[in-house]
């Protein structure tokens, strides 16, 4: 869903693909969840998952369908029906769309 408000650094591209997130909760327990990506830009993505993740939590993200693998910070998390929409900002790397040669 492209955002034309001018508030975003990069334009978002709608992309739906399986995504996996791994993080440590407040108690230090490793957590794992699968979901699906909603959209992506060079600096981050939104994903739909089945449980909330606290803001500013660092996660390891894997979305092989989009060529995404690395770390990200949770910037937002909002309930939408029975799911949660998390906004993730990539940490120290940028996403580049796959080309036909990849």
N, C-alpha and C. Protein backbone atom coordinates (compact mmCIF):
# COMPACT_ATOMS: atom_id res chain seq x y z
N UNK A 1 0.83 -1.16 0.00
CA UNK A 1 0.00 0.00 0.00
C UNK A 1 0.88 1.23 0.00
N UNK A 2 1.07 1.88 -1.13
CA UNK A 2 1.91 3.07 -1.18
C UNK A 2 1.35 4.18 -0.30
N UNK A 3 2.22 4.90 0.35
CA UNK A 3 1.83 5.98 1.23
C UNK A 3 2.29 7.28 0.59
N UNK A 4 1.35 8.10 0.19
CA UNK A 4 1.66 9.34 -0.52
C UNK A 4 1.62 10.57 0.38
N UNK A 5 1.66 10.39 1.70
CA UNK A 5 1.56 11.53 2.61
C UNK A 5 2.88 12.29 2.71
N UNK A 6 3.97 11.73 2.22
CA UNK A 6 5.25 12.41 2.30
C UNK A 6 5.96 12.19 3.62
N UNK A 7 5.37 11.42 4.53
CA UNK A 7 5.99 11.19 5.82
C UNK A 7 6.98 10.04 5.79
N UNK A 8 6.90 9.18 4.85
CA UNK A 8 7.78 8.02 4.75
C UNK A 8 9.04 8.36 3.96
N UNK A 9 10.15 7.73 4.35
CA UNK A 9 11.41 7.95 3.63
C UNK A 9 11.40 7.27 2.28
N UNK A 10 10.80 6.09 2.22
CA UNK A 10 10.73 5.35 0.96
C UNK A 10 9.29 4.91 0.71
N UNK A 11 8.98 4.70 -0.55
CA UNK A 11 7.66 4.21 -0.90
C UNK A 11 7.55 2.73 -0.52
N UNK A 12 6.38 2.36 -0.02
CA UNK A 12 6.12 0.96 0.30
C UNK A 12 5.59 0.24 -0.93
N UNK A 13 5.93 -1.04 -1.02
CA UNK A 13 5.43 -1.90 -2.09
C UNK A 13 4.65 -3.03 -1.45
N UNK A 14 3.42 -3.23 -1.88
CA UNK A 14 2.63 -4.34 -1.34
C UNK A 14 3.25 -5.66 -1.75
N UNK A 15 3.55 -6.49 -0.77
CA UNK A 15 4.14 -7.81 -1.00
C UNK A 15 3.63 -8.74 0.10
N UNK A 16 3.02 -9.83 -0.29
CA UNK A 16 2.54 -10.83 0.67
C UNK A 16 3.38 -12.09 0.52
N UNK A 17 4.07 -12.45 1.60
CA UNK A 17 4.95 -13.61 1.57
C UNK A 17 5.09 -14.13 3.00
N UNK A 18 5.28 -15.44 3.20
CA UNK A 18 5.49 -15.96 4.55
C UNK A 18 6.72 -15.31 5.21
N UNK A 19 6.59 -15.02 6.49
CA UNK A 19 7.67 -14.38 7.24
C UNK A 19 7.79 -15.07 8.60
N UNK A 20 9.01 -15.19 9.09
CA UNK A 20 9.26 -15.75 10.42
C UNK A 20 10.03 -14.72 11.24
N UNK A 21 9.63 -14.57 12.50
CA UNK A 21 10.29 -13.65 13.42
C UNK A 21 10.76 -14.43 14.65
N UNK A 22 11.96 -14.11 15.12
CA UNK A 22 12.51 -14.70 16.33
C UNK A 22 12.97 -13.55 17.21
N UNK A 23 12.66 -13.61 18.52
CA UNK A 23 13.06 -12.56 19.45
C UNK A 23 13.09 -13.12 20.86
N UNK A 24 13.61 -12.34 21.79
CA UNK A 24 13.60 -12.69 23.20
C UNK A 24 12.57 -11.81 23.89
N UNK A 25 11.71 -12.41 24.72
CA UNK A 25 10.72 -11.62 25.44
C UNK A 25 11.36 -11.01 26.69
N UNK A 26 10.54 -10.35 27.52
CA UNK A 26 11.05 -9.66 28.71
C UNK A 26 11.79 -10.57 29.66
N UNK A 27 11.41 -11.85 29.69
CA UNK A 27 12.04 -12.79 30.61
C UNK A 27 13.29 -13.44 30.01
N UNK A 28 13.60 -13.10 28.75
CA UNK A 28 14.76 -13.68 28.09
C UNK A 28 14.48 -14.98 27.36
N UNK A 29 13.20 -15.35 27.31
CA UNK A 29 12.80 -16.57 26.62
C UNK A 29 12.78 -16.35 25.11
N UNK A 30 13.37 -17.27 24.37
CA UNK A 30 13.32 -17.19 22.91
C UNK A 30 11.89 -17.40 22.44
N UNK A 31 11.43 -16.53 21.54
CA UNK A 31 10.09 -16.62 20.97
C UNK A 31 10.21 -16.73 19.46
N UNK A 32 9.23 -17.40 18.86
CA UNK A 32 9.22 -17.63 17.42
C UNK A 32 7.78 -17.53 16.94
N UNK A 33 7.57 -16.86 15.82
CA UNK A 33 6.23 -16.78 15.25
C UNK A 33 6.32 -16.67 13.74
N UNK A 34 5.35 -17.26 13.08
CA UNK A 34 5.23 -17.13 11.63
C UNK A 34 4.06 -16.21 11.32
N UNK A 35 4.16 -15.52 10.22
CA UNK A 35 3.10 -14.62 9.77
C UNK A 35 3.24 -14.39 8.28
N UNK A 36 2.78 -13.23 7.84
CA UNK A 36 2.93 -12.88 6.43
C UNK A 36 3.24 -11.40 6.30
N UNK A 37 4.05 -11.09 5.31
CA UNK A 37 4.38 -9.69 5.06
C UNK A 37 3.17 -9.01 4.41
N UNK A 38 3.04 -7.72 4.66
CA UNK A 38 1.98 -6.93 4.04
C UNK A 38 2.55 -5.98 3.00
N UNK A 39 3.62 -5.29 3.40
CA UNK A 39 4.31 -4.40 2.47
C UNK A 39 5.75 -4.22 2.92
N UNK A 40 6.55 -3.66 2.01
CA UNK A 40 7.99 -3.55 2.28
C UNK A 40 8.54 -2.30 1.60
N UNK A 41 9.57 -1.73 2.20
CA UNK A 41 10.32 -0.63 1.59
C UNK A 41 11.80 -0.94 1.83
N UNK A 42 12.67 -0.08 1.37
CA UNK A 42 14.10 -0.30 1.55
C UNK A 42 14.49 -0.36 3.02
N UNK A 43 13.75 0.35 3.89
CA UNK A 43 14.15 0.43 5.29
C UNK A 43 13.30 -0.38 6.25
N UNK A 44 12.23 -1.04 5.77
CA UNK A 44 11.42 -1.80 6.70
C UNK A 44 10.26 -2.51 6.04
N UNK A 45 9.45 -3.15 6.87
CA UNK A 45 8.28 -3.86 6.36
C UNK A 45 7.19 -3.89 7.42
N UNK A 46 5.97 -4.15 6.98
CA UNK A 46 4.86 -4.44 7.89
C UNK A 46 4.51 -5.90 7.73
N UNK A 47 4.19 -6.54 8.84
CA UNK A 47 3.83 -7.95 8.82
C UNK A 47 2.62 -8.18 9.72
N UNK A 48 1.85 -9.19 9.38
CA UNK A 48 0.70 -9.60 10.18
C UNK A 48 1.07 -10.88 10.91
N UNK A 49 0.94 -10.86 12.24
CA UNK A 49 1.32 -12.00 13.07
C UNK A 49 0.22 -12.27 14.10
N UNK A 50 0.33 -13.38 14.81
CA UNK A 50 -0.71 -13.81 15.73
C UNK A 50 -0.58 -13.34 17.16
N UNK A 51 0.48 -12.62 17.51
CA UNK A 51 0.63 -12.10 18.87
C UNK A 51 1.41 -10.80 18.85
N UNK A 52 1.25 -10.03 19.92
CA UNK A 52 1.91 -8.73 20.02
C UNK A 52 3.39 -8.91 20.35
N UNK A 53 4.20 -7.99 19.83
CA UNK A 53 5.62 -7.89 20.20
C UNK A 53 5.83 -6.46 20.67
N UNK A 54 6.46 -6.31 21.81
CA UNK A 54 6.67 -5.00 22.40
C UNK A 54 7.52 -4.09 21.50
N UNK A 55 7.15 -2.81 21.45
CA UNK A 55 7.93 -1.82 20.68
C UNK A 55 9.37 -1.82 21.16
N UNK A 56 10.28 -1.53 20.25
CA UNK A 56 11.72 -1.44 20.47
C UNK A 56 12.38 -2.80 20.70
N UNK A 57 11.64 -3.88 20.49
CA UNK A 57 12.21 -5.22 20.57
C UNK A 57 12.97 -5.49 19.28
N UNK A 58 14.15 -6.07 19.40
CA UNK A 58 14.90 -6.47 18.21
C UNK A 58 14.52 -7.89 17.84
N UNK A 59 14.26 -8.10 16.57
CA UNK A 59 13.86 -9.40 16.06
C UNK A 59 14.81 -9.82 14.94
N UNK A 60 14.92 -11.13 14.76
CA UNK A 60 15.56 -11.66 13.57
C UNK A 60 14.44 -12.01 12.62
N UNK A 61 14.53 -11.55 11.40
CA UNK A 61 13.47 -11.71 10.43
C UNK A 61 13.96 -12.55 9.25
N UNK A 62 13.09 -13.42 8.78
CA UNK A 62 13.38 -14.22 7.60
C UNK A 62 12.14 -14.26 6.73
N UNK A 63 12.29 -13.78 5.51
CA UNK A 63 11.21 -13.79 4.52
C UNK A 63 11.87 -14.14 3.19
N UNK A 64 12.07 -15.43 2.99
CA UNK A 64 12.85 -15.88 1.84
C UNK A 64 12.20 -15.50 0.51
N UNK A 65 10.89 -15.45 0.46
CA UNK A 65 10.19 -15.09 -0.77
C UNK A 65 10.52 -13.69 -1.25
N UNK A 66 10.92 -12.81 -0.31
CA UNK A 66 11.28 -11.44 -0.67
C UNK A 66 12.78 -11.21 -0.56
N UNK A 67 13.53 -12.24 -0.21
CA UNK A 67 14.98 -12.07 -0.07
C UNK A 67 15.36 -11.29 1.16
N UNK A 68 14.57 -11.40 2.22
CA UNK A 68 14.82 -10.66 3.46
C UNK A 68 15.33 -11.62 4.53
N UNK A 69 16.49 -11.30 5.09
CA UNK A 69 17.03 -12.06 6.20
C UNK A 69 17.98 -11.14 6.95
N UNK A 70 17.67 -10.87 8.22
CA UNK A 70 18.51 -9.98 9.01
C UNK A 70 17.81 -9.58 10.28
N UNK A 71 18.24 -8.48 10.86
CA UNK A 71 17.63 -8.00 12.10
C UNK A 71 16.82 -6.75 11.84
N UNK A 72 15.85 -6.53 12.74
CA UNK A 72 14.97 -5.37 12.63
C UNK A 72 14.49 -4.98 14.02
N UNK A 73 14.02 -3.76 14.14
CA UNK A 73 13.47 -3.25 15.39
C UNK A 73 11.96 -3.06 15.22
N UNK A 74 11.19 -3.45 16.23
CA UNK A 74 9.74 -3.24 16.18
C UNK A 74 9.46 -1.77 16.46
N UNK A 75 8.88 -1.10 15.49
CA UNK A 75 8.57 0.34 15.61
C UNK A 75 7.12 0.57 16.00
N UNK A 76 6.24 -0.39 15.66
CA UNK A 76 4.83 -0.28 16.03
C UNK A 76 4.23 -1.66 16.08
N UNK A 77 3.16 -1.79 16.86
CA UNK A 77 2.42 -3.05 16.95
C UNK A 77 0.99 -2.70 17.31
N UNK A 78 0.05 -3.03 16.44
CA UNK A 78 -1.35 -2.68 16.67
C UNK A 78 -2.25 -3.88 16.37
N UNK A 79 -3.24 -4.07 17.22
CA UNK A 79 -4.20 -5.15 17.00
C UNK A 79 -5.09 -4.81 15.82
N UNK A 80 -5.34 -5.83 14.99
CA UNK A 80 -6.29 -5.71 13.89
C UNK A 80 -7.09 -7.00 13.87
N UNK A 81 -8.29 -6.97 14.43
CA UNK A 81 -9.08 -8.18 14.58
C UNK A 81 -8.39 -9.13 15.53
N UNK A 82 -8.19 -10.35 15.09
CA UNK A 82 -7.53 -11.37 15.91
C UNK A 82 -6.02 -11.40 15.70
N UNK A 83 -5.49 -10.54 14.85
CA UNK A 83 -4.06 -10.51 14.51
C UNK A 83 -3.44 -9.20 15.00
N UNK A 84 -2.13 -9.09 14.80
CA UNK A 84 -1.40 -7.87 15.11
C UNK A 84 -0.60 -7.46 13.88
N UNK A 85 -0.55 -6.17 13.63
CA UNK A 85 0.26 -5.62 12.55
C UNK A 85 1.49 -4.99 13.18
N UNK A 86 2.67 -5.52 12.82
CA UNK A 86 3.92 -4.98 13.35
C UNK A 86 4.65 -4.21 12.26
N UNK A 87 5.14 -3.05 12.63
CA UNK A 87 5.99 -2.26 11.76
C UNK A 87 7.43 -2.51 12.15
N UNK A 88 8.24 -2.97 11.21
CA UNK A 88 9.62 -3.34 11.47
C UNK A 88 10.57 -2.44 10.70
N UNK A 89 11.59 -1.93 11.37
CA UNK A 89 12.63 -1.13 10.72
C UNK A 89 13.90 -1.97 10.68
N UNK A 90 14.41 -2.18 9.46
CA UNK A 90 15.62 -2.98 9.31
C UNK A 90 16.78 -2.31 10.03
N UNK A 91 17.64 -3.12 10.63
CA UNK A 91 18.77 -2.62 11.42
C UNK A 91 20.07 -2.77 10.66
N UNK A 92 20.59 -1.68 10.12
CA UNK A 92 21.90 -1.67 9.49
C UNK A 92 21.96 -2.26 8.10
N UNK A 93 20.83 -2.44 7.43
CA UNK A 93 20.83 -2.97 6.07
C UNK A 93 19.58 -2.47 5.37
N UNK A 94 19.56 -2.58 4.07
CA UNK A 94 18.43 -2.12 3.27
C UNK A 94 17.97 -3.22 2.34
N UNK A 95 16.67 -3.33 2.15
CA UNK A 95 16.09 -4.32 1.25
C UNK A 95 16.20 -3.81 -0.18
N UNK A 96 16.55 -4.72 -1.07
CA UNK A 96 16.57 -4.41 -2.50
C UNK A 96 15.70 -5.45 -3.19
N UNK A 97 14.77 -5.01 -4.02
CA UNK A 97 13.91 -5.98 -4.71
C UNK A 97 14.73 -6.96 -5.53
N UNK A 98 14.25 -8.21 -5.58
CA UNK A 98 14.89 -9.21 -6.41
C UNK A 98 14.72 -8.82 -7.87
N UNK A 99 15.75 -9.10 -8.66
CA UNK A 99 15.64 -8.88 -10.10
C UNK A 99 15.53 -10.23 -10.79
N UNK A 100 15.21 -10.23 -12.04
CA UNK A 100 15.05 -11.49 -12.75
C UNK A 100 16.35 -12.31 -12.76
N UNK A 101 17.49 -11.65 -12.66
CA UNK A 101 18.77 -12.34 -12.67
C UNK A 101 19.06 -13.01 -11.34
N UNK A 102 18.39 -12.59 -10.25
CA UNK A 102 18.64 -13.17 -8.90
C UNK A 102 18.11 -14.57 -8.79
